[in-house]
Structures are given as C-alpha cells and as structure tokens.
Amino acid sequence: MAHKKYSDVIETIEKTDAMSKDELQILARLTWAYLHQNFIRDEMQWVCKVIVLANYCDCYNQELLRVNQVLPSYIETWPESRLGDIATQAEQWLKDL
C-alpha cells in the first residue's frame, strides 16, 4: 500500500476471500486500493469493485464494527477520520454509476 501498488494489494486481499469479510480495517485497505483502479464497466473486476465498495460502506455504517481490529499490532490502524473519508469516496463513486 505504501508503494501505491494497488493492484497487488487487491490481488493479495482477494486471495484471502476478503470480499466476504466484514473486518473494517482490511476492507478499508481493499476499498482504498479499488478507488485507485479503473476497470472497464461490466467486466468482472469492475463488478468486484462495486461489491467491495458497497460492502465497505455497509460495514462502515455499522458502528459496532469500527472497533473490530484483527490486524497485527505492527500494521498501522487507520483512524476513524480516514475510515470515514474512504467511505465517503466509495459512496460517491457508487452514486456516480
């Protein structure tokens, strides 16, 4: 993520079946990576982007999950402000469809 290799981030997280997970910190990273990728509309990767962004927005709006942190301590935990900003960007991207 730090090196802006967003396609690598997507590939790595998707291999762990993250699209079905509701862990907010992991979903935030996946959503952030997807927001930096442009896919051709209606191709599978575009559909995956829609699902991931919608899933993140849904999970973000469930306040209970905001404190659910399964990442190891050596991985930075993103603050509430960043999680909210990503949710806003994801919601805007979905509205623009």
PDB file of N, CA and C in Angstrom:
ATOM      1  N   MET A   1       0.824  -1.182   0.000  1.00  0.00           N
ATOM      2  CA  MET A   1       0.000   0.000   0.000  1.00  0.00           C
ATOM      3  C   MET A   1       0.875   1.255   0.000  1.00  0.00           C
ATOM      4  N   ALA A   2       1.932   1.241   0.795  1.00  0.00           N
ATOM      5  CA  ALA A   2       2.807   2.406   0.905  1.00  0.00           C
ATOM      6  C   ALA A   2       3.482   2.749  -0.417  1.00  0.00           C
ATOM      7  N   HIS A   3       3.674   1.755  -1.265  1.00  0.00           N
ATOM      8  CA  HIS A   3       4.331   1.969  -2.553  1.00  0.00           C
ATOM      9  C   HIS A   3       3.327   2.154  -3.692  1.00  0.00           C
ATOM     10  N   LYS A   4       2.056   2.294  -3.321  1.00  0.00           N
ATOM     11  CA  LYS A   4       0.964   2.540  -4.276  1.00  0.00           C
ATOM     12  C   LYS A   4       0.842   1.431  -5.318  1.00  0.00           C
ATOM     13  N   LYS A   5       1.116   0.213  -4.906  1.00  0.00           N
ATOM     14  CA  LYS A   5       0.950  -0.946  -5.786  1.00  0.00           C
ATOM     15  C   LYS A   5      -0.446  -1.516  -5.531  1.00  0.00           C
ATOM     16  N   TYR A   6      -1.444  -0.731  -5.925  1.00  0.00           N
ATOM     17  CA  TYR A   6      -2.824  -1.042  -5.579  1.00  0.00           C
ATOM     18  C   TYR A   6      -3.316  -2.350  -6.184  1.00  0.00           C
ATOM     19  N   SER A   7      -2.874  -2.684  -7.386  1.00  0.00           N
ATOM     20  CA  SER A   7      -3.311  -3.949  -7.976  1.00  0.00           C
ATOM     21  C   SER A   7      -2.765  -5.138  -7.187  1.00  0.00           C
ATOM     22  N   ASP A   8      -1.564  -5.002  -6.634  1.00  0.00           N
ATOM     23  CA  ASP A   8      -1.001  -6.061  -5.790  1.00  0.00           C
ATOM     24  C   ASP A   8      -1.783  -6.191  -4.485  1.00  0.00           C
ATOM     25  N   VAL A   9      -2.198  -5.056  -3.937  1.00  0.00           N
ATOM     26  CA  VAL A   9      -2.997  -5.066  -2.709  1.00  0.00           C
ATOM     27  C   VAL A   9      -4.306  -5.808  -2.962  1.00  0.00           C
ATOM     28  N   ILE A  10      -4.957  -5.469  -4.063  1.00  0.00           N
ATOM     29  CA  ILE A  10      -6.224  -6.108  -4.412  1.00  0.00           C
ATOM     30  C   ILE A  10      -6.038  -7.610  -4.566  1.00  0.00           C
ATOM     31  N   GLU A  11      -5.027  -8.007  -5.307  1.00  0.00           N
ATOM     32  CA  GLU A  11      -4.786  -9.433  -5.543  1.00  0.00           C
ATOM     33  C   GLU A  11      -4.525 -10.175  -4.233  1.00  0.00           C
ATOM     34  N   THR A  12      -3.702  -9.599  -3.377  1.00  0.00           N
ATOM     35  CA  THR A  12      -3.368 -10.253  -2.109  1.00  0.00           C
ATOM     36  C   THR A  12      -4.583 -10.397  -1.208  1.00  0.00           C
ATOM     37  N   ILE A  13      -5.350  -9.320  -1.058  1.00  0.00           N
ATOM     38  CA  ILE A  13      -6.503  -9.373  -0.161  1.00  0.00           C
ATOM     39  C   ILE A  13      -7.604 -10.257  -0.730  1.00  0.00           C
ATOM     40  N   GLU A  14      -7.809 -10.202  -2.052  1.00  0.00           N
ATOM     41  CA  GLU A  14      -8.844 -11.043  -2.656  1.00  0.00           C
ATOM     42  C   GLU A  14      -8.527 -12.526  -2.491  1.00  0.00           C
ATOM     43  N   LYS A  15      -7.251 -12.871  -2.452  1.00  0.00           N
ATOM     44  CA  LYS A  15      -6.876 -14.277  -2.270  1.00  0.00           C
ATOM     45  C   LYS A  15      -7.283 -14.793  -0.900  1.00  0.00           C
ATOM     46  N   THR A  16      -7.534 -13.875   0.031  1.00  0.00           N
ATOM     47  CA  THR A  16      -7.964 -14.283   1.370  1.00  0.00           C
ATOM     48  C   THR A  16      -9.480 -14.217   1.498  1.00  0.00           C
ATOM     49  N   ASP A  17     -10.174 -14.121   0.378  1.00  0.00           N
ATOM     50  CA  ASP A  17     -11.637 -14.070   0.349  1.00  0.00           C
ATOM     51  C   ASP A  17     -12.173 -12.871   1.119  1.00  0.00           C
ATOM     52  N   ALA A  18     -11.496 -11.746   0.989  1.00  0.00           N
ATOM     53  CA  ALA A  18     -11.849 -10.548   1.760  1.00  0.00           C
ATOM     54  C   ALA A  18     -13.175  -9.930   1.331  1.00  0.00           C
ATOM     55  N   MET A  19     -13.663 -10.241   0.144  1.00  0.00           N
ATOM     56  CA  MET A  19     -14.932  -9.654  -0.278  1.00  0.00           C
ATOM     57  C   MET A  19     -16.073 -10.112   0.609  1.00  0.00           C
ATOM     58  N   SER A  20     -15.912 -11.213   1.307  1.00  0.00           N
ATOM     59  CA  SER A  20     -16.967 -11.694   2.188  1.00  0.00           C
ATOM     60  C   SER A  20     -16.701 -11.350   3.653  1.00  0.00           C
ATOM     61  N   LYS A  21     -15.599 -10.703   3.916  1.00  0.00           N
ATOM     62  CA  LYS A  21     -15.245 -10.369   5.291  1.00  0.00           C
ATOM     63  C   LYS A  21     -15.892  -9.042   5.702  1.00  0.00           C
ATOM     64  N   ASP A  22     -16.032  -8.845   6.994  1.00  0.00           N
ATOM     65  CA  ASP A  22     -16.577  -7.593   7.478  1.00  0.00           C
ATOM     66  C   ASP A  22     -15.601  -6.883   8.419  1.00  0.00           C
ATOM     67  N   GLU A  23     -14.329  -7.199   8.326  1.00  0.00           N
ATOM     68  CA  GLU A  23     -13.317  -6.562   9.155  1.00  0.00           C
ATOM     69  C   GLU A  23     -12.981  -5.211   8.535  1.00  0.00           C
ATOM     70  N   LEU A  24     -13.307  -4.155   9.228  1.00  0.00           N
ATOM     71  CA  LEU A  24     -13.272  -2.815   8.664  1.00  0.00           C
ATOM     72  C   LEU A  24     -11.883  -2.367   8.230  1.00  0.00           C
ATOM     73  N   GLN A  25     -10.857  -2.664   9.011  1.00  0.00           N
ATOM     74  CA  GLN A  25      -9.514  -2.216   8.649  1.00  0.00           C
ATOM     75  C   GLN A  25      -9.039  -2.870   7.350  1.00  0.00           C
ATOM     76  N   ILE A  26      -9.316  -4.147   7.185  1.00  0.00           N
ATOM     77  CA  ILE A  26      -8.924  -4.837   5.957  1.00  0.00           C
ATOM     78  C   ILE A  26      -9.752  -4.325   4.781  1.00  0.00           C
ATOM     79  N   LEU A  27     -11.054  -4.195   4.988  1.00  0.00           N
ATOM     80  CA  LEU A  27     -11.919  -3.687   3.923  1.00  0.00           C
ATOM     81  C   LEU A  27     -11.552  -2.262   3.531  1.00  0.00           C
ATOM     82  N   ALA A  28     -11.132  -1.448   4.480  1.00  0.00           N
ATOM     83  CA  ALA A  28     -10.726  -0.072   4.170  1.00  0.00           C
ATOM     84  C   ALA A  28      -9.542  -0.070   3.219  1.00  0.00           C
ATOM     85  N   ARG A  29      -8.590  -0.939   3.460  1.00  0.00           N
ATOM     86  CA  ARG A  29      -7.414  -1.015   2.596  1.00  0.00           C
ATOM     87  C   ARG A  29      -7.788  -1.519   1.193  1.00  0.00           C
ATOM     88  N   LEU A  30      -8.652  -2.516   1.156  1.00  0.00           N
ATOM     89  CA  LEU A  30      -9.087  -3.036  -0.140  1.00  0.00           C
ATOM     90  C   LEU A  30      -9.883  -1.981  -0.900  1.00  0.00           C
ATOM     91  N   THR A  31     -10.762  -1.282  -0.214  1.00  0.00           N
ATOM     92  CA  THR A  31     -11.562  -0.231  -0.842  1.00  0.00           C
ATOM     93  C   THR A  31     -10.665   0.880  -1.363  1.00  0.00           C
ATOM     94  N   TRP A  32      -9.692   1.295  -0.553  1.00  0.00           N
ATOM     95  CA  TRP A  32      -8.759   2.343  -0.961  1.00  0.00           C
ATOM     96  C   TRP A  32      -8.004   1.934  -2.233  1.00  0.00           C
ATOM     97  N   ALA A  33      -7.583   0.680  -2.286  1.00  0.00           N
ATOM     98  CA  ALA A  33      -6.883   0.190  -3.479  1.00  0.00           C
ATOM     99  C   ALA A  33      -7.814   0.195  -4.689  1.00  0.00           C
ATOM    100  N   TYR A  34      -9.055  -0.252  -4.505  1.00  0.00           N
ATOM    101  CA  TYR A  34     -10.018  -0.257  -5.607  1.00  0.00           C
ATOM    102  C   TYR A  34     -10.329   1.155  -6.091  1.00  0.00           C
ATOM    103  N   LEU A  35     -10.386   2.117  -5.188  1.00  0.00           N
ATOM    104  CA  LEU A  35     -10.661   3.501  -5.588  1.00  0.00           C
ATOM    105  C   LEU A  35      -9.553   4.063  -6.483  1.00  0.00           C
ATOM    106  N   HIS A  36      -8.397   3.445  -6.443  1.00  0.00           N
ATOM    107  CA  HIS A  36      -7.279   3.887  -7.281  1.00  0.00           C
ATOM    108  C   HIS A  36      -7.156   3.087  -8.579  1.00  0.00           C
ATOM    109  N   GLN A  37      -8.108   2.208  -8.834  1.00  0.00           N
ATOM    110  CA  GLN A  37      -8.062   1.389 -10.041  1.00  0.00           C
ATOM    111  C   GLN A  37      -9.279   1.695 -10.914  1.00  0.00           C
ATOM    112  N   ASN A  38      -9.052   1.780 -12.199  1.00  0.00           N
ATOM    113  CA  ASN A  38     -10.140   1.958 -13.154  1.00  0.00           C
ATOM    114  C   ASN A  38     -10.291   0.680 -13.961  1.00  0.00           C
ATOM    115  N   PHE A  39     -11.489   0.153 -13.967  1.00  0.00           N
ATOM    116  CA  PHE A  39     -11.789  -1.053 -14.724  1.00  0.00           C
ATOM    117  C   PHE A  39     -12.871  -0.730 -15.744  1.00  0.00           C
ATOM    118  N   ILE A  40     -12.930  -1.519 -16.791  1.00  0.00           N
ATOM    119  CA  ILE A  40     -13.961  -1.343 -17.807  1.00  0.00           C
ATOM    120  C   ILE A  40     -15.296  -1.784 -17.227  1.00  0.00           C
ATOM    121  N   ARG A  41     -16.292  -0.927 -17.373  1.00  0.00           N
ATOM    122  CA  ARG A  41     -17.616  -1.196 -16.815  1.00  0.00           C
ATOM    123  C   ARG A  41     -18.140  -2.549 -17.278  1.00  0.00           C
ATOM    124  N   ASP A  42     -18.715  -3.284 -16.351  1.00  0.00           N
ATOM    125  CA  ASP A  42     -19.344  -4.585 -16.548  1.00  0.00           C
ATOM    126  C   ASP A  42     -18.367  -5.752 -16.694  1.00  0.00           C
ATOM    127  N   GLU A  43     -17.062  -5.492 -16.664  1.00  0.00           N
ATOM    128  CA  GLU A  43     -16.122  -6.601 -16.594  1.00  0.00           C
ATOM    129  C   GLU A  43     -16.085  -7.105 -15.156  1.00  0.00           C
ATOM    130  N   MET A  44     -15.594  -8.301 -14.944  1.00  0.00           N
ATOM    131  CA  MET A  44     -15.627  -8.920 -13.624  1.00  0.00           C
ATOM    132  C   MET A  44     -14.930  -8.071 -12.569  1.00  0.00           C
ATOM    133  N   GLN A  45     -13.783  -7.494 -12.887  1.00  0.00           N
ATOM    134  CA  GLN A  45     -13.072  -6.672 -11.909  1.00  0.00           C
ATOM    135  C   GLN A  45     -13.883  -5.435 -11.531  1.00  0.00           C
ATOM    136  N   TRP A  46     -14.632  -4.886 -12.481  1.00  0.00           N
ATOM    137  CA  TRP A  46     -15.491  -3.736 -12.195  1.00  0.00           C
ATOM    138  C   TRP A  46     -16.618  -4.154 -11.247  1.00  0.00           C
ATOM    139  N   VAL A  47     -17.200  -5.326 -11.497  1.00  0.00           N
ATOM    140  CA  VAL A  47     -18.261  -5.845 -10.628  1.00  0.00           C
ATOM    141  C   VAL A  47     -17.704  -6.078  -9.219  1.00  0.00           C
ATOM    142  N   CYS A  48     -16.499  -6.632  -9.122  1.00  0.00           N
ATOM    143  CA  CYS A  48     -15.864  -6.840  -7.819  1.00  0.00           C
ATOM    144  C   CYS A  48     -15.666  -5.504  -7.101  1.00  0.00           C
ATOM    145  N   LYS A  49     -15.270  -4.474  -7.843  1.00  0.00           N
ATOM    146  CA  LYS A  49     -15.088  -3.148  -7.251  1.00  0.00           C
ATOM    147  C   LYS A  49     -16.395  -2.651  -6.659  1.00  0.00           C
ATOM    148  N   VAL A  50     -17.483  -2.792  -7.387  1.00  0.00           N
ATOM    149  CA  VAL A  50     -18.792  -2.359  -6.896  1.00  0.00           C
ATOM    150  C   VAL A  50     -19.145  -3.098  -5.612  1.00  0.00           C
ATOM    151  N   ILE A  51     -18.943  -4.416  -5.601  1.00  0.00           N
ATOM    152  CA  ILE A  51     -19.283  -5.225  -4.428  1.00  0.00           C
ATOM    153  C   ILE A  51     -18.441  -4.819  -3.220  1.00  0.00           C
ATOM    154  N   VAL A  52     -17.143  -4.662  -3.432  1.00  0.00           N
ATOM    155  CA  VAL A  52     -16.245  -4.308  -2.328  1.00  0.00           C
ATOM    156  C   VAL A  52     -16.586  -2.928  -1.775  1.00  0.00           C
ATOM    157  N   LEU A  53     -16.772  -1.936  -2.643  1.00  0.00           N
ATOM    158  CA  LEU A  53     -17.093  -0.597  -2.171  1.00  0.00           C
ATOM    159  C   LEU A  53     -18.426  -0.575  -1.430  1.00  0.00           C
ATOM    160  N   ALA A  54     -19.424  -1.273  -1.955  1.00  0.00           N
ATOM    161  CA  ALA A  54     -20.731  -1.325  -1.297  1.00  0.00           C
ATOM    162  C   ALA A  54     -20.620  -2.042   0.051  1.00  0.00           C
ATOM    163  N   ASN A  55     -19.839  -3.120   0.102  1.00  0.00           N
ATOM    164  CA  ASN A  55     -19.650  -3.861   1.342  1.00  0.00           C
ATOM    165  C   ASN A  55     -18.960  -2.984   2.388  1.00  0.00           C
ATOM    166  N   TYR A  56     -17.948  -2.237   1.956  1.00  0.00           N
ATOM    167  CA  TYR A  56     -17.252  -1.360   2.896  1.00  0.00           C
ATOM    168  C   TYR A  56     -18.197  -0.293   3.445  1.00  0.00           C
ATOM    169  N   CYS A  57     -18.968   0.330   2.567  1.00  0.00           N
ATOM    170  CA  CYS A  57     -19.897   1.369   3.014  1.00  0.00           C
ATOM    171  C   CYS A  57     -20.898   0.791   4.007  1.00  0.00           C
ATOM    172  N   ASP A  58     -21.387  -0.396   3.714  1.00  0.00           N
ATOM    173  CA  ASP A  58     -22.341  -1.048   4.608  1.00  0.00           C
ATOM    174  C   ASP A  58     -21.703  -1.341   5.969  1.00  0.00           C
ATOM    175  N   CYS A  59     -20.501  -1.898   5.955  1.00  0.00           N
ATOM    176  CA  CYS A  59     -19.812  -2.216   7.201  1.00  0.00           C
ATOM    177  C   CYS A  59     -19.451  -0.951   7.965  1.00  0.00           C
ATOM    178  N   TYR A  60     -19.020   0.084   7.252  1.00  0.00           N
ATOM    179  CA  TYR A  60     -18.633   1.328   7.921  1.00  0.00           C
ATOM    180  C   TYR A  60     -19.814   1.938   8.662  1.00  0.00           C
ATOM    181  N   ASN A  61     -20.981   1.833   8.085  1.00  0.00           N
ATOM    182  CA  ASN A  61     -22.169   2.428   8.690  1.00  0.00           C
ATOM    183  C   ASN A  61     -22.703   1.626   9.875  1.00  0.00           C
ATOM    184  N   GLN A  62     -22.135   0.459  10.124  1.00  0.00           N
ATOM    185  CA  GLN A  62     -22.494  -0.326  11.308  1.00  0.00           C
ATOM    186  C   GLN A  62     -21.452  -0.025  12.381  1.00  0.00           C
ATOM    187  N   GLU A  63     -21.781   0.890  13.247  1.00  0.00           N
ATOM    188  CA  GLU A  63     -20.812   1.413  14.215  1.00  0.00           C
ATOM    189  C   GLU A  63     -20.135   0.331  15.042  1.00  0.00           C
ATOM    190  N   LEU A  64     -20.824  -0.760  15.306  1.00  0.00           N
ATOM    191  CA  LEU A  64     -20.274  -1.842  16.106  1.00  0.00           C
ATOM    192  C   LEU A  64     -18.945  -2.359  15.533  1.00  0.00           C
ATOM    193  N   LEU A  65     -18.825  -2.368  14.203  1.00  0.00           N
ATOM    194  CA  LEU A  65     -17.642  -2.963  13.579  1.00  0.00           C
ATOM    195  C   LEU A  65     -16.431  -2.035  13.580  1.00  0.00           C
ATOM    196  N   ARG A  66     -16.591  -0.784  13.914  1.00  0.00           N
ATOM    197  CA  ARG A  66     -15.471   0.145  13.842  1.00  0.00           C
ATOM    198  C   ARG A  66     -14.348  -0.194  14.805  1.00  0.00           C
ATOM    199  N   VAL A  67     -14.656  -0.864  15.876  1.00  0.00           N
ATOM    200  CA  VAL A  67     -13.622  -1.222  16.848  1.00  0.00           C
ATOM    201  C   VAL A  67     -13.083  -2.627  16.618  1.00  0.00           C
ATOM    202  N   ASN A  68     -13.574  -3.323  15.619  1.00  0.00           N
ATOM    203  CA  ASN A  68     -13.145  -4.681  15.327  1.00  0.00           C
ATOM    204  C   ASN A  68     -11.815  -4.638  14.586  1.00  0.00           C
ATOM    205  N   GLN A  69     -10.723  -4.834  15.291  1.00  0.00           N
ATOM    206  CA  GLN A  69      -9.404  -4.722  14.681  1.00  0.00           C
ATOM    207  C   GLN A  69      -8.669  -6.053  14.798  1.00  0.00           C
ATOM    208  N   VAL A  70      -8.554  -6.742  13.684  1.00  0.00           N
ATOM    209  CA  VAL A  70      -7.877  -8.038  13.702  1.00  0.00           C
ATOM    210  C   VAL A  70      -6.461  -7.956  13.162  1.00  0.00           C
ATOM    211  N   LEU A  71      -6.047  -6.769  12.741  1.00  0.00           N
ATOM    212  CA  LEU A  71      -4.703  -6.647  12.187  1.00  0.00           C
ATOM    213  C   LEU A  71      -3.652  -6.759  13.284  1.00  0.00           C
ATOM    214  N   PRO A  72      -2.510  -7.334  12.961  1.00  0.00           N
ATOM    215  CA  PRO A  72      -1.420  -7.403  13.941  1.00  0.00           C
ATOM    216  C   PRO A  72      -0.983  -5.995  14.344  1.00  0.00           C
ATOM    217  N   SER A  73      -0.407  -5.869  15.513  1.00  0.00           N
ATOM    218  CA  SER A  73      -0.033  -4.552  16.046  1.00  0.00           C
ATOM    219  C   SER A  73       0.995  -3.826  15.193  1.00  0.00           C
ATOM    220  N   TYR A  74       1.781  -4.550  14.402  1.00  0.00           N
ATOM    221  CA  TYR A  74       2.798  -3.891  13.583  1.00  0.00           C
ATOM    222  C   TYR A  74       2.212  -3.267  12.320  1.00  0.00           C
ATOM    223  N   ILE A  75       0.938  -3.527  12.022  1.00  0.00           N
ATOM    224  CA  ILE A  75       0.283  -2.886  10.889  1.00  0.00           C
ATOM    225  C   ILE A  75      -0.512  -1.700  11.414  1.00  0.00           C
ATOM    226  N   GLU A  76      -0.267  -0.542  10.825  1.00  0.00           N
ATOM    227  CA  GLU A  76      -0.918   0.684  11.275  1.00  0.00           C
ATOM    228  C   GLU A  76      -2.437   0.541  11.265  1.00  0.00           C
ATOM    229  N   THR A  77      -3.074   0.970  12.336  1.00  0.00           N
ATOM    230  CA  THR A  77      -4.529   1.027  12.389  1.00  0.00           C
ATOM    231  C   THR A  77      -4.949   2.406  11.896  1.00  0.00           C
ATOM    232  N   TRP A  78      -5.803   2.434  10.887  1.00  0.00           N
ATOM    233  CA  TRP A  78      -6.231   3.715  10.338  1.00  0.00           C
ATOM    234  C   TRP A  78      -7.234   4.374  11.272  1.00  0.00           C
ATOM    235  N   PRO A  79      -7.123   5.689  11.459  1.00  0.00           N
ATOM    236  CA  PRO A  79      -8.038   6.387  12.367  1.00  0.00           C
ATOM    237  C   PRO A  79      -9.445   6.510  11.783  1.00  0.00           C
ATOM    238  N   GLU A  80     -10.388   6.809  12.649  1.00  0.00           N
ATOM    239  CA  GLU A  80     -11.784   6.974  12.257  1.00  0.00           C
ATOM    240  C   GLU A  80     -11.939   7.977  11.123  1.00  0.00           C
ATOM    241  N   SER A  81     -11.183   9.064  11.147  1.00  0.00           N
ATOM    242  CA  SER A  81     -11.300  10.090  10.108  1.00  0.00           C
ATOM    243  C   SER A  81     -10.956   9.532   8.725  1.00  0.00           C
ATOM    244  N   ARG A  82      -9.934   8.694   8.664  1.00  0.00           N
ATOM    245  CA  ARG A  82      -9.553   8.105   7.372  1.00  0.00           C
ATOM    246  C   ARG A  82     -10.583   7.079   6.918  1.00  0.00           C
ATOM    247  N   LEU A  83     -11.083   6.267   7.846  1.00  0.00           N
ATOM    248  CA  LEU A  83     -12.113   5.288   7.501  1.00  0.00           C
ATOM    249  C   LEU A  83     -13.349   5.994   6.957  1.00  0.00           C
ATOM    250  N   GLY A  84     -13.728   7.094   7.588  1.00  0.00           N
ATOM    251  CA  GLY A  84     -14.890   7.857   7.132  1.00  0.00           C
ATOM    252  C   GLY A  84     -14.677   8.496   5.779  1.00  0.00           C
ATOM    253  N   ASP A  85     -13.479   9.001   5.544  1.00  0.00           N
ATOM    254  CA  ASP A  85     -13.163   9.609   4.251  1.00  0.00           C
ATOM    255  C   ASP A  85     -13.233   8.579   3.134  1.00  0.00           C
ATOM    256  N   ILE A  86     -12.725   7.384   3.392  1.00  0.00           N
ATOM    257  CA  ILE A  86     -12.778   6.318   2.384  1.00  0.00           C
ATOM    258  C   ILE A  86     -14.222   5.931   2.116  1.00  0.00           C
ATOM    259  N   ALA A  87     -15.041   5.850   3.172  1.00  0.00           N
ATOM    260  CA  ALA A  87     -16.462   5.533   2.990  1.00  0.00           C
ATOM    261  C   ALA A  87     -17.145   6.595   2.142  1.00  0.00           C
ATOM    262  N   THR A  88     -16.830   7.858   2.396  1.00  0.00           N
ATOM    263  CA  THR A  88     -17.412   8.952   1.607  1.00  0.00           C
ATOM    264  C   THR A  88     -17.021   8.833   0.140  1.00  0.00           C
ATOM    265  N   GLN A  89     -15.743   8.571  -0.124  1.00  0.00           N
ATOM    266  CA  GLN A  89     -15.281   8.427  -1.506  1.00  0.00           C
ATOM    267  C   GLN A  89     -15.932   7.228  -2.181  1.00  0.00           C
ATOM    268  N   ALA A  90     -16.066   6.130  -1.460  1.00  0.00           N
ATOM    269  CA  ALA A  90     -16.680   4.929  -2.019  1.00  0.00           C
ATOM    270  C   ALA A  90     -18.154   5.178  -2.323  1.00  0.00           C
ATOM    271  N   GLU A  91     -18.857   5.833  -1.397  1.00  0.00           N
ATOM    272  CA  GLU A  91     -20.272   6.143  -1.626  1.00  0.00           C
ATOM    273  C   GLU A  91     -20.440   7.046  -2.839  1.00  0.00           C
ATOM    274  N   GLN A  92     -19.558   8.048  -2.974  1.00  0.00           N
ATOM    275  CA  GLN A  92     -19.643   8.949  -4.131  1.00  0.00           C
ATOM    276  C   GLN A  92     -19.394   8.190  -5.433  1.00  0.00           C
ATOM    277  N   TRP A  93     -18.412   7.290  -5.420  1.00  0.00           N
ATOM    278  CA  TRP A  93     -18.110   6.520  -6.625  1.00  0.00           C
ATOM    279  C   TRP A  93     -19.324   5.677  -7.013  1.00  0.00           C
ATOM    280  N   LEU A  94     -19.962   5.059  -6.029  1.00  0.00           N
ATOM    281  CA  LEU A  94     -21.153   4.233  -6.302  1.00  0.00           C
ATOM    282  C   LEU A  94     -22.318   5.088  -6.802  1.00  0.00           C
ATOM    283  N   LYS A  95     -22.493   6.275  -6.248  1.00  0.00           N
ATOM    284  CA  LYS A  95     -23.575   7.166  -6.703  1.00  0.00           C
ATOM    285  C   LYS A  95     -23.359   7.614  -8.140  1.00  0.00           C
ATOM    286  N   ASP A  96     -22.114   7.738  -8.540  1.00  0.00           N
ATOM    287  CA  ASP A  96     -21.793   8.200  -9.893  1.00  0.00           C
ATOM    288  C   ASP A  96     -21.993   7.143 -10.970  1.00  0.00           C
ATOM    289  N   LEU A  97     -22.336   5.913 -10.581  1.00  0.00           N
ATOM    290  CA  LEU A  97     -22.538   4.842 -11.563  1.00  0.00           C
ATOM    291  C   LEU A  97     -23.698   5.161 -12.473  1.00  0.00           C
TER     292      LEU A  97
END
